[in-house]
Structure formats: C-alpha cells, structure tokens
C-alpha cells in the first residue's frame, strides 16, 4: 500500500473519524451548512477571543495534513494510499452510462478514512454528458419542469436524460443506501456534450435533471466538479436564475501541487451562491485539499 504523506507538513493529532449522520431531507447543495457552521464557528470565535484555548487537537478544516483522495476505474487493481482523511469514489467507468468495475473494492478502501474534516468520510462522484437525441438511451417520454419529452433534442428530454442517468447511478451501479452520500457531478469536455445552437441550456438541463433526482431521494448533497474553462464550454450561459445548479458546492481541479490547490480555494464558484469546498491536486494519486 502507498502511505499517504504530505511532504514538509508536520503530522497533526489524529481526530476521531466523522461519520455520516442519519439522512436529513434538504434542498440541493446546501444541506451541510448548518453543521458546518456548528463545527467551524465555535472554533473561529474561540481562536479570536481565546487564542490560548485552541490547540492542535481542535484541527481546523484548513489543516493541510487532512487530505482526501479520489479514485475510480483507472485505479482498479492499484495499491491505494492509506491515511486519507476522506475519500471520493467514482461510480462510473468513464461514461455516464457505465459502471466502475471495482466500485465495491474502492468503497471498502474508502471506509478506512480517518475523518477529522467537515467533509463526509466517503463521497461519490459520477460522470455526466449529453449525447443528444442520437444517443441510444435518449428518452422518448416523460414530464418535467421543461414540459413533455417527445424524444426530440429538447430541453425537456435533456432534463429527462439527466434524471435517468442519476437514477441508474443510485439504483443500478451497486451503491447501497445512495441517500447516505454526497454526490458530485463530474462535468468535463472529455465526455459527449451538445455544442449545437441552444446546447448550453440543454447541457444545463441534463445536470439539473441529475441534481433534482439525487435531491428527490434525500441525498447528503449535490456538488459540481469542473474547471471554469470546461464549465464555460459545456454550460456557458445556460444556467438560469431559477436553476437548481445555483448554490451547489464546488470541487475544483487545481493542478499538481498543494500551493495551487490552496490558491484555487479562492476562485469564483461555477454558479451563483456556490462555495468552493475542496480542490484537487494530482501527484501519484489525486489528492484533495479542504477549503472550508
């Protein structure tokens, strides 16, 4: 096994692993902020008013030794790092319609997370995409916020496609109790998207369908993983003021070192009202720095 270490960092005191709480039905990406406030604010107040009272055992979320690791199908069969504070596991095999063949093995590895941050110890992420009406799984019916899907390359069918892919992720990939997890939507240009006229709004509709399916089953939360460039290419101006994508948490790629990951915590969120919760930097594995 690869030992997870942070070069040049002083090892911190180990904190009891934070386990997922019972499901609390919530809105889209805002579900953890009450608990975040309860976790962070007392420490912040104490550090300002009583600095002598905040010791190493109080581990602020910015402690750089408390890093997460994300893995998916490319790491099948690899020796995975140990000592991670939290883990993110990819549910798919590179496409929104596929399954990670070693999902259960990686979930078992993820369960060894030692906790110590405000993030859930185990989180999931899924591939996204929009193949348009030529896609083999393109819906032919369904009613949703954009009207009735009739099988055309329409906003209503795009929404339905996203809803169905999220439903498959939650029910057909081998995830037990999907409502107990935080789900991240991986939005990258490597997957198929609609770049034709009006494609940005249809692409956004796919992501809204996924977000609203996950929300409908009471998951821990929904968030967005993407770079600003890729988000602009895929979604552009397709997110309306009433979109369920507004306010979602962000997980942002940041390059190959911890300094870049720290700096990326300060970038603007992908949608209005969002918060950058963590950033990813790639070394021998993908590591994740907490921003909150």
C-alpha atoms as a PDB file:
ATOM      1  CA  UNK A   1       0.000   0.000   0.000  1.00  0.00           C
ATOM      2  CA  UNK A   2       1.139   3.567  -0.664  1.00  0.00           C
ATOM      3  CA  UNK A   3       1.465   5.585   2.514  1.00  0.00           C
ATOM      4  CA  UNK A   4      -0.253   8.947   2.166  1.00  0.00           C
ATOM      5  CA  UNK A   5       2.088  11.670   3.348  1.00  0.00           C
ATOM      6  CA  UNK A   6       2.226  15.410   2.831  1.00  0.00           C
ATOM      7  CA  UNK A   7       5.853  16.459   2.217  1.00  0.00           C
ATOM      8  CA  UNK A   8       7.068  19.185   4.504  1.00  0.00           C
ATOM      9  CA  UNK A   9       3.980  19.041   6.717  1.00  0.00           C
ATOM     10  CA  UNK A  10       4.016  18.421  10.426  1.00  0.00           C
ATOM     11  CA  UNK A  11       1.819  15.412  11.316  1.00  0.00           C
ATOM     12  CA  UNK A  12      -1.266  16.535  13.214  1.00  0.00           C
ATOM     13  CA  UNK A  13      -3.040  14.836  16.064  1.00  0.00           C
ATOM     14  CA  UNK A  14      -5.426  12.201  14.819  1.00  0.00           C
ATOM     15  CA  UNK A  15      -9.080  13.079  15.270  1.00  0.00           C
ATOM     16  CA  UNK A  16     -11.997  10.717  15.606  1.00  0.00           C
ATOM     17  CA  UNK A  17     -13.443   9.907  12.190  1.00  0.00           C
ATOM     18  CA  UNK A  18     -16.567  11.880  11.447  1.00  0.00           C
ATOM     19  CA  UNK A  19     -19.298   9.516  10.374  1.00  0.00           C
ATOM     20  CA  UNK A  20     -22.284  10.314   8.229  1.00  0.00           C
ATOM     21  CA  UNK A  21     -25.346  11.447  10.077  1.00  0.00           C
ATOM     22  CA  UNK A  22     -28.821   9.989   9.501  1.00  0.00           C
ATOM     23  CA  UNK A  23     -30.450  11.390   6.424  1.00  0.00           C
ATOM     24  CA  UNK A  24     -31.976  14.815   6.750  1.00  0.00           C
ATOM     25  CA  UNK A  25     -34.076  15.784   3.707  1.00  0.00           C
ATOM     26  CA  UNK A  26     -32.768  19.053   2.315  1.00  0.00           C
ATOM     27  CA  UNK A  27     -32.561  21.209  -0.774  1.00  0.00           C
ATOM     28  CA  UNK A  28     -29.847  20.843  -3.412  1.00  0.00           C
ATOM     29  CA  UNK A  29     -26.300  21.627  -2.284  1.00  0.00           C
ATOM     30  CA  UNK A  30     -26.928  23.484   0.936  1.00  0.00           C
ATOM     31  CA  UNK A  31     -27.556  20.546   3.221  1.00  0.00           C
ATOM     32  CA  UNK A  32     -24.438  20.678   5.347  1.00  0.00           C
ATOM     33  CA  UNK A  33     -24.111  24.369   6.111  1.00  0.00           C
ATOM     34  CA  UNK A  34     -25.830  24.263   9.468  1.00  0.00           C
ATOM     35  CA  UNK A  35     -23.480  21.510  10.547  1.00  0.00           C
ATOM     36  CA  UNK A  36     -20.521  23.346   9.030  1.00  0.00           C
ATOM     37  CA  UNK A  37     -21.396  26.460  10.997  1.00  0.00           C
ATOM     38  CA  UNK A  38     -21.755  24.410  14.161  1.00  0.00           C
ATOM     39  CA  UNK A  39     -18.314  22.895  13.520  1.00  0.00           C
ATOM     40  CA  UNK A  40     -16.334  25.909  12.343  1.00  0.00           C
ATOM     41  CA  UNK A  41     -17.840  28.951  14.049  1.00  0.00           C
ATOM     42  CA  UNK A  42     -17.201  27.962  17.684  1.00  0.00           C
ATOM     43  CA  UNK A  43     -13.547  27.289  16.816  1.00  0.00           C
ATOM     44  CA  UNK A  44     -13.297  30.561  14.896  1.00  0.00           C
ATOM     45  CA  UNK A  45     -14.777  32.545  17.788  1.00  0.00           C
ATOM     46  CA  UNK A  46     -12.516  30.807  20.267  1.00  0.00           C
ATOM     47  CA  UNK A  47      -9.440  31.489  18.147  1.00  0.00           C
ATOM     48  CA  UNK A  48     -10.266  35.203  18.064  1.00  0.00           C
ATOM     49  CA  UNK A  49     -11.457  35.715  21.636  1.00  0.00           C
ATOM     50  CA  UNK A  50      -9.466  32.990  23.422  1.00  0.00           C
ATOM     51  CA  UNK A  51      -6.484  32.049  21.238  1.00  0.00           C
ATOM     52  CA  UNK A  52      -4.922  30.091  24.111  1.00  0.00           C
ATOM     53  CA  UNK A  53      -7.932  27.746  24.085  1.00  0.00           C
ATOM     54  CA  UNK A  54      -7.464  26.418  20.535  1.00  0.00           C
ATOM     55  CA  UNK A  55      -4.828  23.670  20.429  1.00  0.00           C
ATOM     56  CA  UNK A  56      -3.702  21.146  17.845  1.00  0.00           C
ATOM     57  CA  UNK A  57      -6.420  18.736  18.942  1.00  0.00           C
ATOM     58  CA  UNK A  58      -9.044  21.165  17.578  1.00  0.00           C
ATOM     59  CA  UNK A  59      -7.813  20.645  13.982  1.00  0.00           C
ATOM     60  CA  UNK A  60      -9.159  23.473  11.842  1.00  0.00           C
ATOM     61  CA  UNK A  61     -10.532  22.357   8.477  1.00  0.00           C
ATOM     62  CA  UNK A  62      -7.565  24.100   6.801  1.00  0.00           C
ATOM     63  CA  UNK A  63      -5.070  21.665   8.367  1.00  0.00           C
ATOM     64  CA  UNK A  64      -3.139  20.549   5.267  1.00  0.00           C
ATOM     65  CA  UNK A  65      -2.359  17.105   6.691  1.00  0.00           C
ATOM     66  CA  UNK A  66      -6.060  16.251   6.481  1.00  0.00           C
ATOM     67  CA  UNK A  67      -6.202  15.487   2.785  1.00  0.00           C
ATOM     68  CA  UNK A  68      -8.685  13.457   0.812  1.00  0.00           C
ATOM     69  CA  UNK A  69      -8.060  11.048  -2.055  1.00  0.00           C
ATOM     70  CA  UNK A  70     -10.291  10.363  -5.061  1.00  0.00           C
ATOM     71  CA  UNK A  71     -10.189   7.139  -7.070  1.00  0.00           C
ATOM     72  CA  UNK A  72     -12.187   5.468  -9.808  1.00  0.00           C
ATOM     73  CA  UNK A  73     -11.874   2.852 -12.547  1.00  0.00           C
ATOM     74  CA  UNK A  74      -8.340   3.912 -13.678  1.00  0.00           C
ATOM     75  CA  UNK A  75      -7.098   2.843 -10.225  1.00  0.00           C
ATOM     76  CA  UNK A  76      -8.662  -0.638 -10.381  1.00  0.00           C
ATOM     77  CA  UNK A  77      -6.075  -3.109  -9.135  1.00  0.00           C
ATOM     78  CA  UNK A  78      -3.703  -0.396  -7.875  1.00  0.00           C
ATOM     79  CA  UNK A  79      -2.376  -0.186  -4.328  1.00  0.00           C
ATOM     80  CA  UNK A  80      -4.266   2.784  -2.938  1.00  0.00           C
ATOM     81  CA  UNK A  81      -2.979   5.329  -0.399  1.00  0.00           C
ATOM     82  CA  UNK A  82      -3.658   4.921   3.299  1.00  0.00           C
ATOM     83  CA  UNK A  83      -4.190   7.537   5.969  1.00  0.00           C
ATOM     84  CA  UNK A  84      -6.664   9.604   3.950  1.00  0.00           C
ATOM     85  CA  UNK A  85      -8.985  11.882   5.895  1.00  0.00           C
ATOM     86  CA  UNK A  86     -11.808  11.392   3.401  1.00  0.00           C
ATOM     87  CA  UNK A  87     -12.344   9.641   0.089  1.00  0.00           C
ATOM     88  CA  UNK A  88     -14.247  10.221  -3.126  1.00  0.00           C
ATOM     89  CA  UNK A  89     -15.076   7.212  -5.294  1.00  0.00           C
ATOM     90  CA  UNK A  90     -16.159   7.312  -8.928  1.00  0.00           C
ATOM     91  CA  UNK A  91     -19.316   5.321  -9.578  1.00  0.00           C
ATOM     92  CA  UNK A  92     -18.940   5.116 -13.366  1.00  0.00           C
ATOM     93  CA  UNK A  93     -16.404   3.660 -15.748  1.00  0.00           C
ATOM     94  CA  UNK A  94     -15.651   6.882 -17.623  1.00  0.00           C
ATOM     95  CA  UNK A  95     -19.076   7.425 -19.205  1.00  0.00           C
ATOM     96  CA  UNK A  96     -22.399   8.332 -17.644  1.00  0.00           C
ATOM     97  CA  UNK A  97     -23.875   5.041 -18.849  1.00  0.00           C
ATOM     98  CA  UNK A  98     -21.132   2.786 -17.433  1.00  0.00           C
ATOM     99  CA  UNK A  99     -20.185   1.258 -14.080  1.00  0.00           C
ATOM    100  CA  UNK A 100     -16.846   1.317 -12.273  1.00  0.00           C
ATOM    101  CA  UNK A 101     -15.884  -2.395 -12.273  1.00  0.00           C
ATOM    102  CA  UNK A 102     -14.130  -2.174  -8.908  1.00  0.00           C
ATOM    103  CA  UNK A 103     -16.614   0.114  -7.180  1.00  0.00           C
ATOM    104  CA  UNK A 104     -17.150  -2.149  -4.165  1.00  0.00           C
ATOM    105  CA  UNK A 105     -13.435  -2.699  -3.630  1.00  0.00           C
ATOM    106  CA  UNK A 106     -12.836   1.032  -3.686  1.00  0.00           C
ATOM    107  CA  UNK A 107     -15.749   1.704  -1.354  1.00  0.00           C
ATOM    108  CA  UNK A 108     -14.218  -0.796   1.073  1.00  0.00           C
ATOM    109  CA  UNK A 109     -10.922   1.102   0.850  1.00  0.00           C
ATOM    110  CA  UNK A 110     -12.737   4.421   1.308  1.00  0.00           C
ATOM    111  CA  UNK A 111     -14.275   3.161   4.551  1.00  0.00           C
ATOM    112  CA  UNK A 112     -10.801   3.350   6.121  1.00  0.00           C
ATOM    113  CA  UNK A 113     -10.909   7.165   6.032  1.00  0.00           C
ATOM    114  CA  UNK A 114      -9.801   8.593   9.366  1.00  0.00           C
ATOM    115  CA  UNK A 115     -12.039  11.662   9.298  1.00  0.00           C
ATOM    116  CA  UNK A 116     -11.153  14.926  11.004  1.00  0.00           C
ATOM    117  CA  UNK A 117     -12.700  17.344   8.473  1.00  0.00           C
ATOM    118  CA  UNK A 118     -16.197  18.712   7.889  1.00  0.00           C
ATOM    119  CA  UNK A 119     -16.426  16.582   4.739  1.00  0.00           C
ATOM    120  CA  UNK A 120     -18.206  13.243   4.713  1.00  0.00           C
ATOM    121  CA  UNK A 121     -15.703  10.420   5.089  1.00  0.00           C
ATOM    122  CA  UNK A 122     -16.959   8.733   1.905  1.00  0.00           C
ATOM    123  CA  UNK A 123     -18.362  10.674  -1.055  1.00  0.00           C
ATOM    124  CA  UNK A 124     -19.293   9.640  -4.579  1.00  0.00           C
ATOM    125  CA  UNK A 125     -18.893  11.206  -7.980  1.00  0.00           C
ATOM    126  CA  UNK A 126     -20.474  10.416 -11.326  1.00  0.00           C
ATOM    127  CA  UNK A 127     -19.688  11.071 -14.962  1.00  0.00           C
ATOM    128  CA  UNK A 128     -22.038  13.336 -16.869  1.00  0.00           C
ATOM    129  CA  UNK A 129     -22.714  14.052 -20.529  1.00  0.00           C
ATOM    130  CA  UNK A 130     -25.331  14.880 -23.129  1.00  0.00           C
ATOM    131  CA  UNK A 131     -25.321  12.732 -26.295  1.00  0.00           C
ATOM    132  CA  UNK A 132     -28.432  14.422 -27.698  1.00  0.00           C
ATOM    133  CA  UNK A 133     -31.250  12.640 -29.446  1.00  0.00           C
ATOM    134  CA  UNK A 134     -28.837  10.331 -31.312  1.00  0.00           C
ATOM    135  CA  UNK A 135     -27.820   8.686 -28.029  1.00  0.00           C
ATOM    136  CA  UNK A 136     -29.033   5.091 -27.612  1.00  0.00           C
ATOM    137  CA  UNK A 137     -30.531   5.811 -24.180  1.00  0.00           C
ATOM    138  CA  UNK A 138     -32.149   9.110 -25.132  1.00  0.00           C
ATOM    139  CA  UNK A 139     -35.603   9.279 -23.500  1.00  0.00           C
ATOM    140  CA  UNK A 140     -38.768   9.144 -25.573  1.00  0.00           C
ATOM    141  CA  UNK A 141     -41.218  10.330 -22.920  1.00  0.00           C
ATOM    142  CA  UNK A 142     -41.507  11.947 -19.507  1.00  0.00           C
ATOM    143  CA  UNK A 143     -42.882  15.112 -17.950  1.00  0.00           C
ATOM    144  CA  UNK A 144     -40.692  17.529 -16.021  1.00  0.00           C
ATOM    145  CA  UNK A 145     -40.103  21.211 -15.307  1.00  0.00           C
ATOM    146  CA  UNK A 146     -39.465  21.871 -19.021  1.00  0.00           C
ATOM    147  CA  UNK A 147     -42.583  20.156 -20.327  1.00  0.00           C
ATOM    148  CA  UNK A 148     -43.144  16.817 -22.003  1.00  0.00           C
ATOM    149  CA  UNK A 149     -40.284  14.902 -23.583  1.00  0.00           C
ATOM    150  CA  UNK A 150     -41.191  13.575 -27.041  1.00  0.00           C
ATOM    151  CA  UNK A 151     -37.836  12.060 -27.983  1.00  0.00           C
ATOM    152  CA  UNK A 152     -36.540  15.207 -29.674  1.00  0.00           C
ATOM    153  CA  UNK A 153     -33.334  17.092 -28.900  1.00  0.00           C
ATOM    154  CA  UNK A 154     -35.218  19.320 -26.489  1.00  0.00           C
ATOM    155  CA  UNK A 155     -34.632  20.808 -23.084  1.00  0.00           C
ATOM    156  CA  UNK A 156     -37.310  18.584 -21.543  1.00  0.00           C
ATOM    157  CA  UNK A 157     -35.711  15.426 -22.965  1.00  0.00           C
ATOM    158  CA  UNK A 158     -32.249  16.575 -21.865  1.00  0.00           C
ATOM    159  CA  UNK A 159     -33.574  17.012 -18.334  1.00  0.00           C
ATOM    160  CA  UNK A 160     -35.163  13.565 -18.508  1.00  0.00           C
ATOM    161  CA  UNK A 161     -31.872  12.073 -19.717  1.00  0.00           C
ATOM    162  CA  UNK A 162     -30.033  13.537 -16.709  1.00  0.00           C
ATOM    163  CA  UNK A 163     -32.727  12.323 -14.305  1.00  0.00           C
ATOM    164  CA  UNK A 164     -32.481   8.784 -15.713  1.00  0.00           C
ATOM    165  CA  UNK A 165     -28.671   8.681 -15.556  1.00  0.00           C
ATOM    166  CA  UNK A 166     -28.730   9.767 -11.912  1.00  0.00           C
ATOM    167  CA  UNK A 167     -31.425   7.189 -11.185  1.00  0.00           C
ATOM    168  CA  UNK A 168     -29.226   4.498 -12.744  1.00  0.00           C
ATOM    169  CA  UNK A 169     -26.243   5.671 -10.687  1.00  0.00           C
ATOM    170  CA  UNK A 170     -28.249   5.422  -7.492  1.00  0.00           C
ATOM    171  CA  UNK A 171     -30.037   2.157  -8.221  1.00  0.00           C
ATOM    172  CA  UNK A 172     -28.074   0.079 -10.770  1.00  0.00           C
ATOM    173  CA  UNK A 173     -24.378   0.554 -10.023  1.00  0.00           C
ATOM    174  CA  UNK A 174     -24.176  -1.318  -6.725  1.00  0.00           C
ATOM    175  CA  UNK A 175     -24.388   1.614  -4.302  1.00  0.00           C
ATOM    176  CA  UNK A 176     -26.161   0.632  -1.105  1.00  0.00           C
ATOM    177  CA  UNK A 177     -28.192   3.365   0.601  1.00  0.00           C
ATOM    178  CA  UNK A 178     -27.439   6.055  -2.008  1.00  0.00           C
ATOM    179  CA  UNK A 179     -29.227   8.673   0.071  1.00  0.00           C
ATOM    180  CA  UNK A 180     -26.434   8.480   2.659  1.00  0.00           C
ATOM    181  CA  UNK A 181     -23.839  10.020   0.349  1.00  0.00           C
ATOM    182  CA  UNK A 182     -22.717  13.350  -1.019  1.00  0.00           C
ATOM    183  CA  UNK A 183     -22.830  13.090  -4.842  1.00  0.00           C
ATOM    184  CA  UNK A 184     -20.585  15.149  -7.127  1.00  0.00           C
ATOM    185  CA  UNK A 185     -21.305  15.703 -10.826  1.00  0.00           C
ATOM    186  CA  UNK A 186     -18.102  15.422 -12.877  1.00  0.00           C
ATOM    187  CA  UNK A 187     -18.502  17.912 -15.747  1.00  0.00           C
ATOM    188  CA  UNK A 188     -15.678  17.570 -18.285  1.00  0.00           C
ATOM    189  CA  UNK A 189     -15.286  18.039 -22.028  1.00  0.00           C
ATOM    190  CA  UNK A 190     -13.823  14.542 -22.374  1.00  0.00           C
ATOM    191  CA  UNK A 191     -17.415  13.297 -22.358  1.00  0.00           C
ATOM    192  CA  UNK A 192     -20.028  13.914 -25.075  1.00  0.00           C
ATOM    193  CA  UNK A 193     -21.919  17.219 -24.967  1.00  0.00           C
ATOM    194  CA  UNK A 194     -24.312  19.157 -27.138  1.00  0.00           C
ATOM    195  CA  UNK A 195     -22.425  22.049 -28.751  1.00  0.00           C
ATOM    196  CA  UNK A 196     -25.129  22.905 -31.270  1.00  0.00           C
ATOM    197  CA  UNK A 197     -27.293  26.027 -31.037  1.00  0.00           C
ATOM    198  CA  UNK A 198     -29.029  26.079 -27.650  1.00  0.00           C
ATOM    199  CA  UNK A 199     -26.827  23.242 -26.451  1.00  0.00           C
ATOM    200  CA  UNK A 200     -25.701  25.139 -23.362  1.00  0.00           C
ATOM    201  CA  UNK A 201     -29.234  25.244 -21.962  1.00  0.00           C
ATOM    202  CA  UNK A 202     -29.801  21.568 -22.811  1.00  0.00           C
ATOM    203  CA  UNK A 203     -26.498  20.616 -21.196  1.00  0.00           C
ATOM    204  CA  UNK A 204     -27.521  22.551 -18.100  1.00  0.00           C
ATOM    205  CA  UNK A 205     -30.866  20.733 -18.176  1.00  0.00           C
ATOM    206  CA  UNK A 206     -29.070  17.364 -18.056  1.00  0.00           C
ATOM    207  CA  UNK A 207     -27.214  18.478 -14.937  1.00  0.00           C
ATOM    208  CA  UNK A 208     -30.419  19.847 -13.424  1.00  0.00           C
ATOM    209  CA  UNK A 209     -32.140  16.529 -14.018  1.00  0.00           C
ATOM    210  CA  UNK A 210     -29.319  14.723 -12.240  1.00  0.00           C
ATOM    211  CA  UNK A 211     -29.267  17.217  -9.390  1.00  0.00           C
ATOM    212  CA  UNK A 212     -33.013  17.035  -8.878  1.00  0.00           C
ATOM    213  CA  UNK A 213     -33.133  13.234  -8.987  1.00  0.00           C
ATOM    214  CA  UNK A 214     -30.463  12.994  -6.295  1.00  0.00           C
ATOM    215  CA  UNK A 215     -32.230  15.659  -4.260  1.00  0.00           C
ATOM    216  CA  UNK A 216     -35.534  13.799  -4.614  1.00  0.00           C
ATOM    217  CA  UNK A 217     -34.120  10.750  -2.819  1.00  0.00           C
ATOM    218  CA  UNK A 218     -32.752  12.865   0.032  1.00  0.00           C
ATOM    219  CA  UNK A 219     -29.014  12.562  -0.548  1.00  0.00           C
ATOM    220  CA  UNK A 220     -26.494  14.311   1.667  1.00  0.00           C
ATOM    221  CA  UNK A 221     -25.935  16.890  -1.049  1.00  0.00           C
ATOM    222  CA  UNK A 222     -25.029  17.504  -4.673  1.00  0.00           C
ATOM    223  CA  UNK A 223     -21.960  19.350  -5.937  1.00  0.00           C
ATOM    224  CA  UNK A 224     -20.136  20.267  -9.145  1.00  0.00           C
ATOM    225  CA  UNK A 225     -16.657  19.230 -10.271  1.00  0.00           C
ATOM    226  CA  UNK A 226     -15.229  21.171 -13.207  1.00  0.00           C
ATOM    227  CA  UNK A 227     -12.776  23.843 -14.253  1.00  0.00           C
ATOM    228  CA  UNK A 228     -14.022  27.291 -15.215  1.00  0.00           C
ATOM    229  CA  UNK A 229     -12.944  26.711 -18.819  1.00  0.00           C
ATOM    230  CA  UNK A 230     -14.742  23.391 -19.184  1.00  0.00           C
ATOM    231  CA  UNK A 231     -17.845  24.693 -17.436  1.00  0.00           C
ATOM    232  CA  UNK A 232     -17.944  27.661 -19.806  1.00  0.00           C
ATOM    233  CA  UNK A 233     -17.564  25.432 -22.853  1.00  0.00           C
ATOM    234  CA  UNK A 234     -20.275  22.983 -21.762  1.00  0.00           C
ATOM    235  CA  UNK A 235     -22.810  25.122 -19.933  1.00  0.00           C
ATOM    236  CA  UNK A 236     -21.879  28.652 -20.948  1.00  0.00           C
ATOM    237  CA  UNK A 237     -24.839  30.917 -20.209  1.00  0.00           C
ATOM    238  CA  UNK A 238     -27.292  28.041 -19.946  1.00  0.00           C
ATOM    239  CA  UNK A 239     -27.885  28.317 -16.197  1.00  0.00           C
ATOM    240  CA  UNK A 240     -30.987  30.383 -15.452  1.00  0.00           C
ATOM    241  CA  UNK A 241     -31.644  32.395 -12.311  1.00  0.00           C
ATOM    242  CA  UNK A 242     -34.027  29.679 -11.077  1.00  0.00           C
ATOM    243  CA  UNK A 243     -31.750  26.733 -11.894  1.00  0.00           C
ATOM    244  CA  UNK A 244     -31.163  24.068  -9.256  1.00  0.00           C
ATOM    245  CA  UNK A 245     -27.462  24.312 -10.172  1.00  0.00           C
ATOM    246  CA  UNK A 246     -27.241  27.662  -8.411  1.00  0.00           C
ATOM    247  CA  UNK A 247     -25.845  27.382  -4.908  1.00  0.00           C
ATOM    248  CA  UNK A 248     -24.226  23.986  -5.398  1.00  0.00           C
ATOM    249  CA  UNK A 249     -20.908  23.266  -3.709  1.00  0.00           C
ATOM    250  CA  UNK A 250     -17.788  23.149  -5.883  1.00  0.00           C
ATOM    251  CA  UNK A 251     -14.890  20.680  -6.075  1.00  0.00           C
ATOM    252  CA  UNK A 252     -12.270  22.267  -8.333  1.00  0.00           C
ATOM    253  CA  UNK A 253      -9.217  20.788 -10.088  1.00  0.00           C
ATOM    254  CA  UNK A 254      -6.094  22.780  -9.276  1.00  0.00           C
ATOM    255  CA  UNK A 255      -3.010  21.306 -10.933  1.00  0.00           C
ATOM    256  CA  UNK A 256      -0.135  19.314  -9.490  1.00  0.00           C
ATOM    257  CA  UNK A 257       0.777  20.779  -6.102  1.00  0.00           C
ATOM    258  CA  UNK A 258      -0.702  21.811  -2.803  1.00  0.00           C
ATOM    259  CA  UNK A 259       0.056  25.507  -3.274  1.00  0.00           C
ATOM    260  CA  UNK A 260      -2.099  25.541  -6.407  1.00  0.00           C
ATOM    261  CA  UNK A 261      -4.838  23.709  -4.524  1.00  0.00           C
ATOM    262  CA  UNK A 262      -4.777  26.314  -1.753  1.00  0.00           C
ATOM    263  CA  UNK A 263      -4.936  29.156  -4.269  1.00  0.00           C
ATOM    264  CA  UNK A 264      -7.845  27.570  -6.122  1.00  0.00           C
ATOM    265  CA  UNK A 265      -9.934  27.740  -2.956  1.00  0.00           C
ATOM    266  CA  UNK A 266     -10.290  31.456  -3.728  1.00  0.00           C
ATOM    267  CA  UNK A 267     -11.686  31.165  -7.260  1.00  0.00           C
ATOM    268  CA  UNK A 268     -15.250  32.202  -8.020  1.00  0.00           C
ATOM    269  CA  UNK A 269     -17.812  29.377  -7.822  1.00  0.00           C
ATOM    270  CA  UNK A 270     -19.221  27.886 -11.006  1.00  0.00           C
ATOM    271  CA  UNK A 271     -22.747  29.109 -10.245  1.00  0.00           C
ATOM    272  CA  UNK A 272     -24.119  31.971  -8.132  1.00  0.00           C
ATOM    273  CA  UNK A 273     -24.316  31.149  -4.443  1.00  0.00           C
ATOM    274  CA  UNK A 274     -21.931  28.221  -4.671  1.00  0.00           C
ATOM    275  CA  UNK A 275     -18.964  27.637  -2.376  1.00  0.00           C
ATOM    276  CA  UNK A 276     -15.635  26.021  -3.253  1.00  0.00           C
ATOM    277  CA  UNK A 277     -15.487  23.252  -0.653  1.00  0.00           C
ATOM    278  CA  UNK A 278     -12.356  21.472  -1.820  1.00  0.00           C
ATOM    279  CA  UNK A 279      -9.709  21.467  -4.529  1.00  0.00           C
ATOM    280  CA  UNK A 280      -7.871  18.633  -6.250  1.00  0.00           C
ATOM    281  CA  UNK A 281      -4.170  18.334  -6.994  1.00  0.00           C
ATOM    282  CA  UNK A 282      -2.568  15.413  -8.802  1.00  0.00           C
ATOM    283  CA  UNK A 283       0.677  13.716  -7.802  1.00  0.00           C
ATOM    284  CA  UNK A 284       0.948   9.917  -7.710  1.00  0.00           C
ATOM    285  CA  UNK A 285      -2.799   9.977  -6.981  1.00  0.00           C
ATOM    286  CA  UNK A 286      -5.478  12.649  -6.946  1.00  0.00           C
ATOM    287  CA  UNK A 287      -5.380  14.373  -3.562  1.00  0.00           C
ATOM    288  CA  UNK A 288      -7.943  16.836  -2.254  1.00  0.00           C
ATOM    289  CA  UNK A 289      -7.419  19.889  -0.102  1.00  0.00           C
ATOM    290  CA  UNK A 290     -10.270  21.167   2.038  1.00  0.00           C
ATOM    291  CA  UNK A 291     -11.198  24.838   1.644  1.00  0.00           C
ATOM    292  CA  UNK A 292     -13.762  25.040   4.460  1.00  0.00           C
END
